[in-house]
Amino acid sequence: MAKFAVGKIAMVAVIACLLVGSAPQVGATITCTQVTNLLTPCISYGVFGGTVSKECCTGIYKLNAAYKTKEDIRQACSCVKDGAAMIPGINYDRINEIPGKCGTKCPYKVYPDTDCSRVA
C-alpha cells in the first residue's frame, strides 16, 4: 500500500510539473516553474491530508516572499489553480488550509472557479 501511495505522489508531482510550466503573465516576475518547485511538497497534503510537511511550509514562505507586484500574486494564483486542476484527488479545502497550518496567510483562495485576475 505504501508503494502505491509513493507512486501516486510521484505521478502527481510529474503531472504538476509538466502542466504548470506555462509562460508568465506580462508584468509578473514569478513563473509557474518556480511556483511548482516551491509547492510540490504540498501535493501529498492536498491529496491525502495528514500533516503538512516542513518543506511545504518552507515553499509557502518562499512564495509569499517572492511576491513583488499584484501580477506576481495573480500569476501564482493561476499557476496553483491550473496545477491543482490536473492533480487527481486534490482537495481544495485542504489546499486552502495549508497557509494557516504553516502559520502564514495567502492573498487568495484557490478553487476551480477562482478568478485569479481579480485577486490582490
PDB file of N, CA and C in Angstrom:
ATOM      1  N   MET A   1       0.818  -1.195   0.000  1.00  0.00           N
ATOM      2  CA  MET A   1       0.000   0.000   0.000  1.00  0.00           C
ATOM      3  C   MET A   1       0.863   1.261   0.000  1.00  0.00           C
ATOM      4  N   ALA A   2       1.966   1.254   0.765  1.00  0.00           N
ATOM      5  CA  ALA A   2       2.838   2.422   0.818  1.00  0.00           C
ATOM      6  C   ALA A   2       3.479   2.689  -0.538  1.00  0.00           C
ATOM      7  N   LYS A   3       3.839   1.599  -1.254  1.00  0.00           N
ATOM      8  CA  LYS A   3       4.428   1.782  -2.579  1.00  0.00           C
ATOM      9  C   LYS A   3       3.442   2.472  -3.512  1.00  0.00           C
ATOM     10  N   PHE A   4       2.163   2.113  -3.417  1.00  0.00           N
ATOM     11  CA  PHE A   4       1.139   2.727  -4.246  1.00  0.00           C
ATOM     12  C   PHE A   4       1.041   4.217  -3.947  1.00  0.00           C
ATOM     13  N   ALA A   5       1.033   4.584  -2.671  1.00  0.00           N
ATOM     14  CA  ALA A   5       0.913   5.997  -2.289  1.00  0.00           C
ATOM     15  C   ALA A   5       2.114   6.796  -2.778  1.00  0.00           C
ATOM     16  N   VAL A   6       3.312   6.247  -2.623  1.00  0.00           N
ATOM     17  CA  VAL A   6       4.517   6.944  -3.087  1.00  0.00           C
ATOM     18  C   VAL A   6       4.485   7.085  -4.603  1.00  0.00           C
ATOM     19  N   GLY A   7       4.064   6.022  -5.294  1.00  0.00           N
ATOM     20  CA  GLY A   7       3.967   6.086  -6.750  1.00  0.00           C
ATOM     21  C   GLY A   7       2.960   7.113  -7.201  1.00  0.00           C
ATOM     22  N   LYS A   8       1.832   7.195  -6.494  1.00  0.00           N
ATOM     23  CA  LYS A   8       0.792   8.169  -6.846  1.00  0.00           C
ATOM     24  C   LYS A   8       1.295   9.593  -6.624  1.00  0.00           C
ATOM     25  N   ILE A   9       2.009   9.819  -5.518  1.00  0.00           N
ATOM     26  CA  ILE A   9       2.565  11.147  -5.252  1.00  0.00           C
ATOM     27  C   ILE A   9       3.565  11.525  -6.330  1.00  0.00           C
ATOM     28  N   ALA A  10       4.423  10.583  -6.723  1.00  0.00           N
ATOM     29  CA  ALA A  10       5.405  10.864  -7.766  1.00  0.00           C
ATOM     30  C   ALA A  10       4.706  11.197  -9.077  1.00  0.00           C
ATOM     31  N   MET A  11       3.656  10.446  -9.417  1.00  0.00           N
ATOM     32  CA  MET A  11       2.916  10.709 -10.636  1.00  0.00           C
ATOM     33  C   MET A  11       2.281  12.105 -10.591  1.00  0.00           C
ATOM     34  N   VAL A  12       1.699  12.439  -9.456  1.00  0.00           N
ATOM     35  CA  VAL A  12       1.062  13.743  -9.300  1.00  0.00           C
ATOM     36  C   VAL A  12       2.096  14.854  -9.445  1.00  0.00           C
ATOM     37  N   ALA A  13       3.269  14.676  -8.847  1.00  0.00           N
ATOM     38  CA  ALA A  13       4.319  15.697  -8.947  1.00  0.00           C
ATOM     39  C   ALA A  13       4.764  15.883 -10.393  1.00  0.00           C
ATOM     40  N   VAL A  14       4.925  14.795 -11.119  1.00  0.00           N
ATOM     41  CA  VAL A  14       5.330  14.885 -12.527  1.00  0.00           C
ATOM     42  C   VAL A  14       4.263  15.600 -13.341  1.00  0.00           C
ATOM     43  N   ILE A  15       3.006  15.230 -13.129  1.00  0.00           N
ATOM     44  CA  ILE A  15       1.910  15.890 -13.847  1.00  0.00           C
ATOM     45  C   ILE A  15       1.904  17.376 -13.549  1.00  0.00           C
ATOM     46  N   ALA A  16       2.038  17.724 -12.278  1.00  0.00           N
ATOM     47  CA  ALA A  16       2.017  19.136 -11.894  1.00  0.00           C
ATOM     48  C   ALA A  16       3.153  19.895 -12.565  1.00  0.00           C
ATOM     49  N   CYS A  17       4.345  19.309 -12.573  1.00  0.00           N
ATOM     50  CA  CYS A  17       5.493  19.976 -13.193  1.00  0.00           C
ATOM     51  C   CYS A  17       5.293  20.178 -14.688  1.00  0.00           C
ATOM     52  N   LEU A  18       4.744  19.172 -15.346  1.00  0.00           N
ATOM     53  CA  LEU A  18       4.549  19.273 -16.783  1.00  0.00           C
ATOM     54  C   LEU A  18       3.466  20.266 -17.167  1.00  0.00           C
ATOM     55  N   LEU A  19       2.448  20.360 -16.354  1.00  0.00           N
ATOM     56  CA  LEU A  19       1.290  21.139 -16.741  1.00  0.00           C
ATOM     57  C   LEU A  19       1.310  22.598 -16.308  1.00  0.00           C
ATOM     58  N   VAL A  20       2.155  22.960 -15.383  1.00  0.00           N
ATOM     59  CA  VAL A  20       2.150  24.351 -14.954  1.00  0.00           C
ATOM     60  C   VAL A  20       3.375  25.119 -15.450  1.00  0.00           C
ATOM     61  N   GLY A  21       4.068  24.603 -16.392  1.00  0.00           N
ATOM     62  CA  GLY A  21       5.239  25.282 -16.926  1.00  0.00           C
ATOM     63  C   GLY A  21       4.891  26.298 -17.999  1.00  0.00           C
ATOM     64  N   SER A  22       3.747  26.939 -17.877  1.00  0.00           N
ATOM     65  CA  SER A  22       3.314  27.900 -18.885  1.00  0.00           C
ATOM     66  C   SER A  22       4.058  29.224 -18.755  1.00  0.00           C
ATOM     67  N   ALA A  23       3.928  30.040 -19.771  1.00  0.00           N
ATOM     68  CA  ALA A  23       4.603  31.337 -19.779  1.00  0.00           C
ATOM     69  C   ALA A  23       3.981  32.277 -18.754  1.00  0.00           C
ATOM     70  N   PRO A  24       4.786  33.129 -18.118  1.00  0.00           N
ATOM     71  CA  PRO A  24       4.257  34.048 -17.123  1.00  0.00           C
ATOM     72  C   PRO A  24       3.417  35.148 -17.760  1.00  0.00           C
ATOM     73  N   GLN A  25       2.519  35.719 -16.963  1.00  0.00           N
ATOM     74  CA  GLN A  25       1.730  36.852 -17.429  1.00  0.00           C
ATOM     75  C   GLN A  25       2.644  38.064 -17.562  1.00  0.00           C
ATOM     76  N   VAL A  26       2.239  38.998 -18.404  1.00  0.00           N
ATOM     77  CA  VAL A  26       3.017  40.219 -18.586  1.00  0.00           C
ATOM     78  C   VAL A  26       3.102  40.948 -17.253  1.00  0.00           C
ATOM     79  N   GLY A  27       4.291  41.367 -16.872  1.00  0.00           N
ATOM     80  CA  GLY A  27       4.481  42.118 -15.639  1.00  0.00           C
ATOM     81  C   GLY A  27       4.762  41.254 -14.428  1.00  0.00           C
ATOM     82  N   ALA A  28       4.580  39.955 -14.531  1.00  0.00           N
ATOM     83  CA  ALA A  28       4.843  39.056 -13.411  1.00  0.00           C
ATOM     84  C   ALA A  28       6.298  38.611 -13.445  1.00  0.00           C
ATOM     85  N   THR A  29       6.917  38.535 -12.284  1.00  0.00           N
ATOM     86  CA  THR A  29       8.289  38.043 -12.216  1.00  0.00           C
ATOM     87  C   THR A  29       8.330  36.595 -11.743  1.00  0.00           C
ATOM     88  N   ILE A  30       7.228  36.105 -11.201  1.00  0.00           N
ATOM     89  CA  ILE A  30       7.129  34.725 -10.742  1.00  0.00           C
ATOM     90  C   ILE A  30       6.683  33.850 -11.915  1.00  0.00           C
ATOM     91  N   THR A  31       7.313  32.702 -12.054  1.00  0.00           N
ATOM     92  CA  THR A  31       6.928  31.770 -13.116  1.00  0.00           C
ATOM     93  C   THR A  31       6.222  30.554 -12.515  1.00  0.00           C
ATOM     94  N   CYS A  32       5.497  29.853 -13.351  1.00  0.00           N
ATOM     95  CA  CYS A  32       4.833  28.629 -12.896  1.00  0.00           C
ATOM     96  C   CYS A  32       5.851  27.571 -12.494  1.00  0.00           C
ATOM     97  N   THR A  33       6.982  27.559 -13.139  1.00  0.00           N
ATOM     98  CA  THR A  33       8.030  26.614 -12.756  1.00  0.00           C
ATOM     99  C   THR A  33       8.480  26.873 -11.324  1.00  0.00           C
ATOM    100  N   GLN A  34       8.663  28.136 -10.965  1.00  0.00           N
ATOM    101  CA  GLN A  34       9.048  28.475  -9.593  1.00  0.00           C
ATOM    102  C   GLN A  34       7.958  28.067  -8.607  1.00  0.00           C
ATOM    103  N   VAL A  35       6.722  28.371  -8.937  1.00  0.00           N
ATOM    104  CA  VAL A  35       5.604  28.028  -8.059  1.00  0.00           C
ATOM    105  C   VAL A  35       5.545  26.514  -7.870  1.00  0.00           C
ATOM    106  N   THR A  36       5.683  25.778  -8.957  1.00  0.00           N
ATOM    107  CA  THR A  36       5.650  24.317  -8.887  1.00  0.00           C
ATOM    108  C   THR A  36       6.774  23.786  -8.006  1.00  0.00           C
ATOM    109  N   ASN A  37       7.970  24.306  -8.199  1.00  0.00           N
ATOM    110  CA  ASN A  37       9.105  23.853  -7.393  1.00  0.00           C
ATOM    111  C   ASN A  37       8.892  24.133  -5.904  1.00  0.00           C
ATOM    112  N   LEU A  38       8.321  25.271  -5.601  1.00  0.00           N
ATOM    113  CA  LEU A  38       8.101  25.634  -4.199  1.00  0.00           C
ATOM    114  C   LEU A  38       6.978  24.829  -3.551  1.00  0.00           C
ATOM    115  N   LEU A  39       5.949  24.522  -4.325  1.00  0.00           N
ATOM    116  CA  LEU A  39       4.752  23.923  -3.731  1.00  0.00           C
ATOM    117  C   LEU A  39       4.596  22.419  -3.952  1.00  0.00           C
ATOM    118  N   THR A  40       5.464  21.806  -4.716  1.00  0.00           N
ATOM    119  CA  THR A  40       5.374  20.356  -4.917  1.00  0.00           C
ATOM    120  C   THR A  40       5.329  19.591  -3.592  1.00  0.00           C
ATOM    121  N   PRO A  41       6.083  19.991  -2.561  1.00  0.00           N
ATOM    122  CA  PRO A  41       5.982  19.260  -1.295  1.00  0.00           C
ATOM    123  C   PRO A  41       4.599  19.338  -0.638  1.00  0.00           C
ATOM    124  N   CYS A  42       3.731  20.205  -1.115  1.00  0.00           N
ATOM    125  CA  CYS A  42       2.394  20.350  -0.544  1.00  0.00           C
ATOM    126  C   CYS A  42       1.369  19.412  -1.181  1.00  0.00           C
ATOM    127  N   ILE A  43       1.721  18.784  -2.284  1.00  0.00           N
ATOM    128  CA  ILE A  43       0.759  17.967  -3.020  1.00  0.00           C
ATOM    129  C   ILE A  43       0.240  16.814  -2.167  1.00  0.00           C
ATOM    130  N   SER A  44       1.126  16.162  -1.432  1.00  0.00           N
ATOM    131  CA  SER A  44       0.667  14.999  -0.665  1.00  0.00           C
ATOM    132  C   SER A  44      -0.395  15.401   0.352  1.00  0.00           C
ATOM    133  N   TYR A  45      -0.245  16.555   0.991  1.00  0.00           N
ATOM    134  CA  TYR A  45      -1.278  17.004   1.929  1.00  0.00           C
ATOM    135  C   TYR A  45      -2.573  17.329   1.173  1.00  0.00           C
ATOM    136  N   GLY A  46      -2.445  17.967   0.024  1.00  0.00           N
ATOM    137  CA  GLY A  46      -3.617  18.325  -0.762  1.00  0.00           C
ATOM    138  C   GLY A  46      -4.422  17.125  -1.236  1.00  0.00           C
ATOM    139  N   VAL A  47      -3.764  15.993  -1.418  1.00  0.00           N
ATOM    140  CA  VAL A  47      -4.443  14.787  -1.883  1.00  0.00           C
ATOM    141  C   VAL A  47      -4.827  13.881  -0.721  1.00  0.00           C
ATOM    142  N   PHE A  48      -3.881  13.621   0.178  1.00  0.00           N
ATOM    143  CA  PHE A  48      -4.078  12.616   1.215  1.00  0.00           C
ATOM    144  C   PHE A  48      -4.399  13.172   2.603  1.00  0.00           C
ATOM    145  N   GLY A  49      -4.129  14.457   2.843  1.00  0.00           N
ATOM    146  CA  GLY A  49      -4.312  15.005   4.190  1.00  0.00           C
ATOM    147  C   GLY A  49      -3.142  14.614   5.068  1.00  0.00           C
ATOM    148  N   GLY A  50      -3.392  14.496   6.352  1.00  0.00           N
ATOM    149  CA  GLY A  50      -2.321  14.142   7.287  1.00  0.00           C
ATOM    150  C   GLY A  50      -1.672  15.377   7.851  1.00  0.00           C
ATOM    151  N   THR A  51      -0.354  15.410   7.799  1.00  0.00           N
ATOM    152  CA  THR A  51       0.424  16.514   8.348  1.00  0.00           C
ATOM    153  C   THR A  51       1.062  17.304   7.209  1.00  0.00           C
ATOM    154  N   VAL A  52       1.024  18.627   7.323  1.00  0.00           N
ATOM    155  CA  VAL A  52       1.698  19.481   6.345  1.00  0.00           C
ATOM    156  C   VAL A  52       3.197  19.411   6.641  1.00  0.00           C
ATOM    157  N   SER A  53       3.979  19.092   5.635  1.00  0.00           N
ATOM    158  CA  SER A  53       5.425  18.924   5.833  1.00  0.00           C
ATOM    159  C   SER A  53       6.129  20.268   6.023  1.00  0.00           C
ATOM    160  N   LYS A  54       7.278  20.194   6.664  1.00  0.00           N
ATOM    161  CA  LYS A  54       8.131  21.373   6.847  1.00  0.00           C
ATOM    162  C   LYS A  54       8.530  21.945   5.485  1.00  0.00           C
ATOM    163  N   GLU A  55       8.800  21.063   4.523  1.00  0.00           N
ATOM    164  CA  GLU A  55       9.200  21.501   3.179  1.00  0.00           C
ATOM    165  C   GLU A  55       8.068  22.257   2.487  1.00  0.00           C
ATOM    166  N   CYS A  56       6.845  21.819   2.720  1.00  0.00           N
ATOM    167  CA  CYS A  56       5.684  22.522   2.166  1.00  0.00           C
ATOM    168  C   CYS A  56       5.615  23.936   2.745  1.00  0.00           C
ATOM    169  N   CYS A  57       5.719  24.033   4.064  1.00  0.00           N
ATOM    170  CA  CYS A  57       5.660  25.353   4.708  1.00  0.00           C
ATOM    171  C   CYS A  57       6.796  26.254   4.230  1.00  0.00           C
ATOM    172  N   THR A  58       7.969  25.697   4.068  1.00  0.00           N
ATOM    173  CA  THR A  58       9.098  26.478   3.553  1.00  0.00           C
ATOM    174  C   THR A  58       8.775  27.020   2.168  1.00  0.00           C
ATOM    175  N   GLY A  59       8.159  26.192   1.326  1.00  0.00           N
ATOM    176  CA  GLY A  59       7.758  26.639  -0.005  1.00  0.00           C
ATOM    177  C   GLY A  59       6.740  27.764   0.051  1.00  0.00           C
ATOM    178  N   ILE A  60       5.774  27.654   0.966  1.00  0.00           N
ATOM    179  CA  ILE A  60       4.764  28.711   1.132  1.00  0.00           C
ATOM    180  C   ILE A  60       5.434  30.015   1.560  1.00  0.00           C
ATOM    181  N   TYR A  61       6.351  29.937   2.529  1.00  0.00           N
ATOM    182  CA  TYR A  61       7.048  31.153   2.983  1.00  0.00           C
ATOM    183  C   TYR A  61       7.835  31.790   1.849  1.00  0.00           C
ATOM    184  N   LYS A  62       8.551  30.962   1.087  1.00  0.00           N
ATOM    185  CA  LYS A  62       9.358  31.492  -0.018  1.00  0.00           C
ATOM    186  C   LYS A  62       8.478  32.100  -1.112  1.00  0.00           C
ATOM    187  N   LEU A  63       7.336  31.468  -1.389  1.00  0.00           N
ATOM    188  CA  LEU A  63       6.436  32.026  -2.392  1.00  0.00           C
ATOM    189  C   LEU A  63       5.903  33.374  -1.925  1.00  0.00           C
ATOM    190  N   ASN A  64       5.474  33.459  -0.679  1.00  0.00           N
ATOM    191  CA  ASN A  64       4.981  34.738  -0.157  1.00  0.00           C
ATOM    192  C   ASN A  64       6.058  35.817  -0.217  1.00  0.00           C
ATOM    193  N   ALA A  65       7.296  35.455   0.046  1.00  0.00           N
ATOM    194  CA  ALA A  65       8.398  36.424  -0.004  1.00  0.00           C
ATOM    195  C   ALA A  65       8.709  36.855  -1.439  1.00  0.00           C
ATOM    196  N   ALA A  66       8.349  36.025  -2.414  1.00  0.00           N
ATOM    197  CA  ALA A  66       8.655  36.332  -3.813  1.00  0.00           C
ATOM    198  C   ALA A  66       7.684  37.319  -4.452  1.00  0.00           C
ATOM    199  N   TYR A  67       6.533  37.534  -3.826  1.00  0.00           N
ATOM    200  CA  TYR A  67       5.560  38.466  -4.405  1.00  0.00           C
ATOM    201  C   TYR A  67       6.116  39.881  -4.368  1.00  0.00           C
ATOM    202  N   LYS A  68       6.206  40.481  -5.542  1.00  0.00           N
ATOM    203  CA  LYS A  68       6.665  41.874  -5.650  1.00  0.00           C
ATOM    204  C   LYS A  68       5.549  42.785  -6.160  1.00  0.00           C
ATOM    205  N   THR A  69       4.648  42.225  -6.950  1.00  0.00           N
ATOM    206  CA  THR A  69       3.579  43.010  -7.566  1.00  0.00           C
ATOM    207  C   THR A  69       2.260  42.239  -7.500  1.00  0.00           C
ATOM    208  N   LYS A  70       1.178  42.932  -7.822  1.00  0.00           N
ATOM    209  CA  LYS A  70      -0.123  42.262  -7.929  1.00  0.00           C
ATOM    210  C   LYS A  70      -0.086  41.201  -9.018  1.00  0.00           C
ATOM    211  N   GLU A  71       0.659  41.466 -10.076  1.00  0.00           N
ATOM    212  CA  GLU A  71       0.768  40.489 -11.163  1.00  0.00           C
ATOM    213  C   GLU A  71       1.463  39.211 -10.699  1.00  0.00           C
ATOM    214  N   ASP A  72       2.431  39.343  -9.789  1.00  0.00           N
ATOM    215  CA  ASP A  72       3.070  38.152  -9.235  1.00  0.00           C
ATOM    216  C   ASP A  72       2.049  37.297  -8.489  1.00  0.00           C
ATOM    217  N   ILE A  73       1.221  37.947  -7.697  1.00  0.00           N
ATOM    218  CA  ILE A  73       0.189  37.233  -6.932  1.00  0.00           C
ATOM    219  C   ILE A  73      -0.795  36.568  -7.881  1.00  0.00           C
ATOM    220  N   ARG A  74      -1.215  37.294  -8.902  1.00  0.00           N
ATOM    221  CA  ARG A  74      -2.162  36.741  -9.870  1.00  0.00           C
ATOM    222  C   ARG A  74      -1.553  35.577 -10.641  1.00  0.00           C
ATOM    223  N   GLN A  75      -0.296  35.704 -11.018  1.00  0.00           N
ATOM    224  CA  GLN A  75       0.394  34.633 -11.735  1.00  0.00           C
ATOM    225  C   GLN A  75       0.489  33.394 -10.854  1.00  0.00           C
ATOM    226  N   ALA A  76       0.893  33.560  -9.610  1.00  0.00           N
ATOM    227  CA  ALA A  76       0.995  32.417  -8.698  1.00  0.00           C
ATOM    228  C   ALA A  76      -0.366  31.763  -8.506  1.00  0.00           C
ATOM    229  N   CYS A  77      -1.403  32.560  -8.347  1.00  0.00           N
ATOM    230  CA  CYS A  77      -2.758  32.041  -8.209  1.00  0.00           C
ATOM    231  C   CYS A  77      -3.119  31.193  -9.425  1.00  0.00           C
ATOM    232  N   SER A  78      -2.865  31.688 -10.614  1.00  0.00           N
ATOM    233  CA  SER A  78      -3.168  30.947 -11.834  1.00  0.00           C
ATOM    234  C   SER A  78      -2.377  29.648 -11.912  1.00  0.00           C
ATOM    235  N   CYS A  79      -1.114  29.709 -11.529  1.00  0.00           N
ATOM    236  CA  CYS A  79      -0.276  28.508 -11.561  1.00  0.00           C
ATOM    237  C   CYS A  79      -0.808  27.448 -10.602  1.00  0.00           C
ATOM    238  N   VAL A  80      -1.157  27.868  -9.392  1.00  0.00           N
ATOM    239  CA  VAL A  80      -1.683  26.931  -8.402  1.00  0.00           C
ATOM    240  C   VAL A  80      -3.026  26.371  -8.875  1.00  0.00           C
ATOM    241  N   LYS A  81      -3.886  27.245  -9.354  1.00  0.00           N
ATOM    242  CA  LYS A  81      -5.218  26.813  -9.819  1.00  0.00           C
ATOM    243  C   LYS A  81      -5.097  25.820 -10.976  1.00  0.00           C
ATOM    244  N   ASP A  82      -4.294  26.149 -11.978  1.00  0.00           N
ATOM    245  CA  ASP A  82      -4.140  25.285 -13.138  1.00  0.00           C
ATOM    246  C   ASP A  82      -3.472  23.965 -12.768  1.00  0.00           C
ATOM    247  N   GLY A  83      -2.465  24.030 -11.924  1.00  0.00           N
ATOM    248  CA  GLY A  83      -1.784  22.813 -11.487  1.00  0.00           C
ATOM    249  C   GLY A  83      -2.680  21.923 -10.661  1.00  0.00           C
ATOM    250  N   ALA A  84      -3.420  22.513  -9.734  1.00  0.00           N
ATOM    251  CA  ALA A  84      -4.315  21.733  -8.874  1.00  0.00           C
ATOM    252  C   ALA A  84      -5.380  21.013  -9.692  1.00  0.00           C
ATOM    253  N   ALA A  85      -5.854  21.665 -10.736  1.00  0.00           N
ATOM    254  CA  ALA A  85      -6.899  21.067 -11.570  1.00  0.00           C
ATOM    255  C   ALA A  85      -6.423  19.786 -12.252  1.00  0.00           C
ATOM    256  N   MET A  86      -5.144  19.607 -12.383  1.00  0.00           N
ATOM    257  CA  MET A  86      -4.594  18.440 -13.056  1.00  0.00           C
ATOM    258  C   MET A  86      -4.227  17.314 -12.096  1.00  0.00           C
ATOM    259  N   ILE A  87      -4.398  17.527 -10.811  1.00  0.00           N
ATOM    260  CA  ILE A  87      -3.993  16.528  -9.818  1.00  0.00           C
ATOM    261  C   ILE A  87      -5.207  15.697  -9.411  1.00  0.00           C
ATOM    262  N   PRO A  88      -5.187  14.418  -9.740  1.00  0.00           N
ATOM    263  CA  PRO A  88      -6.307  13.557  -9.353  1.00  0.00           C
ATOM    264  C   PRO A  88      -6.463  13.504  -7.836  1.00  0.00           C
ATOM    265  N   GLY A  89      -7.681  13.674  -7.364  1.00  0.00           N
ATOM    266  CA  GLY A  89      -7.965  13.554  -5.939  1.00  0.00           C
ATOM    267  C   GLY A  89      -7.631  14.776  -5.110  1.00  0.00           C
ATOM    268  N   ILE A  90      -7.315  15.887  -5.741  1.00  0.00           N
ATOM    269  CA  ILE A  90      -6.966  17.091  -4.975  1.00  0.00           C
ATOM    270  C   ILE A  90      -8.178  17.572  -4.190  1.00  0.00           C
ATOM    271  N   ASN A  91      -7.923  18.037  -2.991  1.00  0.00           N
ATOM    272  CA  ASN A  91      -8.973  18.550  -2.120  1.00  0.00           C
ATOM    273  C   ASN A  91      -8.706  20.047  -1.931  1.00  0.00           C
ATOM    274  N   TYR A  92      -9.538  20.881  -2.516  1.00  0.00           N
ATOM    275  CA  TYR A  92      -9.314  22.325  -2.493  1.00  0.00           C
ATOM    276  C   TYR A  92      -9.405  22.900  -1.081  1.00  0.00           C
ATOM    277  N   ASP A  93     -10.256  22.336  -0.249  1.00  0.00           N
ATOM    278  CA  ASP A  93     -10.315  22.821   1.134  1.00  0.00           C
ATOM    279  C   ASP A  93      -8.977  22.600   1.828  1.00  0.00           C
ATOM    280  N   ARG A  94      -8.364  21.439   1.609  1.00  0.00           N
ATOM    281  CA  ARG A  94      -7.047  21.184   2.202  1.00  0.00           C
ATOM    282  C   ARG A  94      -5.998  22.146   1.656  1.00  0.00           C
ATOM    283  N   ILE A  95      -6.025  22.396   0.348  1.00  0.00           N
ATOM    284  CA  ILE A  95      -5.067  23.333  -0.248  1.00  0.00           C
ATOM    285  C   ILE A  95      -5.151  24.686   0.452  1.00  0.00           C
ATOM    286  N   ASN A  96      -6.370  25.141   0.678  1.00  0.00           N
ATOM    287  CA  ASN A  96      -6.566  26.459   1.273  1.00  0.00           C
ATOM    288  C   ASN A  96      -6.286  26.495   2.768  1.00  0.00           C
ATOM    289  N   GLU A  97      -6.172  25.338   3.401  1.00  0.00           N
ATOM    290  CA  GLU A  97      -5.806  25.258   4.822  1.00  0.00           C
ATOM    291  C   GLU A  97      -4.300  25.381   5.029  1.00  0.00           C
ATOM    292  N   ILE A  98      -3.524  25.064   4.015  1.00  0.00           N
ATOM    293  CA  ILE A  98      -2.075  24.948   4.178  1.00  0.00           C
ATOM    294  C   ILE A  98      -1.428  26.213   4.737  1.00  0.00           C
ATOM    295  N   PRO A  99      -1.682  27.412   4.194  1.00  0.00           N
ATOM    296  CA  PRO A  99      -1.007  28.583   4.766  1.00  0.00           C
ATOM    297  C   PRO A  99      -1.270  28.737   6.269  1.00  0.00           C
ATOM    298  N   GLY A 100      -2.499  28.562   6.696  1.00  0.00           N
ATOM    299  CA  GLY A 100      -2.815  28.667   8.123  1.00  0.00           C
ATOM    300  C   GLY A 100      -2.092  27.621   8.948  1.00  0.00           C
ATOM    301  N   LYS A 101      -1.981  26.408   8.431  1.00  0.00           N
ATOM    302  CA  LYS A 101      -1.269  25.347   9.135  1.00  0.00           C
ATOM    303  C   LYS A 101       0.227  25.641   9.206  1.00  0.00           C
ATOM    304  N   CYS A 102       0.709  26.473   8.290  1.00  0.00           N
ATOM    305  CA  CYS A 102       2.119  26.873   8.290  1.00  0.00           C
ATOM    306  C   CYS A 102       2.340  28.175   9.060  1.00  0.00           C
ATOM    307  N   GLY A 103       1.272  28.749   9.598  1.00  0.00           N
ATOM    308  CA  GLY A 103       1.405  29.979  10.378  1.00  0.00           C
ATOM    309  C   GLY A 103       1.549  31.227   9.541  1.00  0.00           C
ATOM    310  N   THR A 104       1.001  31.205   8.339  1.00  0.00           N
ATOM    311  CA  THR A 104       1.080  32.375   7.460  1.00  0.00           C
ATOM    312  C   THR A 104      -0.261  32.549   6.759  1.00  0.00           C
ATOM    313  N   LYS A 105      -0.335  33.482   5.836  1.00  0.00           N
ATOM    314  CA  LYS A 105      -1.549  33.733   5.069  1.00  0.00           C
ATOM    315  C   LYS A 105      -1.241  33.653   3.593  1.00  0.00           C
ATOM    316  N   CYS A 106      -2.289  33.517   2.809  1.00  0.00           N
ATOM    317  CA  CYS A 106      -2.179  33.534   1.352  1.00  0.00           C
ATOM    318  C   CYS A 106      -3.127  34.615   0.854  1.00  0.00           C
ATOM    319  N   PRO A 107      -2.719  35.421  -0.121  1.00  0.00           N
ATOM    320  CA  PRO A 107      -3.576  36.517  -0.585  1.00  0.00           C
ATOM    321  C   PRO A 107      -4.750  36.072  -1.460  1.00  0.00           C
ATOM    322  N   TYR A 108      -4.966  34.774  -1.613  1.00  0.00           N
ATOM    323  CA  TYR A 108      -6.078  34.267  -2.423  1.00  0.00           C
ATOM    324  C   TYR A 108      -6.445  32.864  -1.957  1.00  0.00           C
ATOM    325  N   LYS A 109      -7.662  32.458  -2.292  1.00  0.00           N
ATOM    326  CA  LYS A 109      -8.131  31.089  -2.087  1.00  0.00           C
ATOM    327  C   LYS A 109      -8.207  30.453  -3.468  1.00  0.00           C
ATOM    328  N   VAL A 110      -7.829  29.192  -3.558  1.00  0.00           N
ATOM    329  CA  VAL A 110      -7.840  28.511  -4.848  1.00  0.00           C
ATOM    330  C   VAL A 110      -8.967  27.488  -4.879  1.00  0.00           C
ATOM    331  N   TYR A 111      -9.846  27.678  -5.838  1.00  0.00           N
ATOM    332  CA  TYR A 111     -10.927  26.743  -6.153  1.00  0.00           C
ATOM    333  C   TYR A 111     -11.031  26.686  -7.669  1.00  0.00           C
ATOM    334  N   PRO A 112     -11.711  25.702  -8.216  1.00  0.00           N
ATOM    335  CA  PRO A 112     -11.807  25.623  -9.689  1.00  0.00           C
ATOM    336  C   PRO A 112     -12.383  26.891 -10.326  1.00  0.00           C
ATOM    337  N   ASP A 113     -13.223  27.625  -9.609  1.00  0.00           N
ATOM    338  CA  ASP A 113     -13.836  28.818 -10.193  1.00  0.00           C
ATOM    339  C   ASP A 113     -13.192  30.124  -9.736  1.00  0.00           C
ATOM    340  N   THR A 114     -12.045  30.060  -9.104  1.00  0.00           N
ATOM    341  CA  THR A 114     -11.339  31.282  -8.689  1.00  0.00           C
ATOM    342  C   THR A 114     -10.948  32.100  -9.912  1.00  0.00           C
ATOM    343  N   ASP A 115     -11.228  33.395  -9.878  1.00  0.00           N
ATOM    344  CA  ASP A 115     -10.812  34.296 -10.949  1.00  0.00           C
ATOM    345  C   ASP A 115      -9.532  34.987 -10.488  1.00  0.00           C
ATOM    346  N   CYS A 116      -8.405  34.420 -10.884  1.00  0.00           N
ATOM    347  CA  CYS A 116      -7.119  34.926 -10.431  1.00  0.00           C
ATOM    348  C   CYS A 116      -6.815  36.332 -10.917  1.00  0.00           C
ATOM    349  N   SER A 117      -7.480  36.772 -11.976  1.00  0.00           N
ATOM    350  CA  SER A 117      -7.241  38.134 -12.476  1.00  0.00           C
ATOM    351  C   SER A 117      -7.816  39.185 -11.525  1.00  0.00           C
ATOM    352  N   ARG A 118      -8.603  38.758 -10.560  1.00  0.00           N
ATOM    353  CA  ARG A 118      -9.218  39.699  -9.626  1.00  0.00           C
ATOM    354  C   ARG A 118      -8.622  39.654  -8.224  1.00  0.00           C
ATOM    355  N   VAL A 119      -7.619  38.793  -7.997  1.00  0.00           N
ATOM    356  CA  VAL A 119      -7.022  38.714  -6.663  1.00  0.00           C
ATOM    357  C   VAL A 119      -6.002  39.820  -6.454  1.00  0.00           C
ATOM    358  N   ALA A 120      -5.685  40.045  -5.218  1.00  0.00           N
ATOM    359  CA  ALA A 120      -4.696  41.042  -4.772  1.00  0.00           C
ATOM    360  C   ALA A 120      -5.380  42.282  -4.425  1.00  0.00           C
TER     361      ALA A 120
END
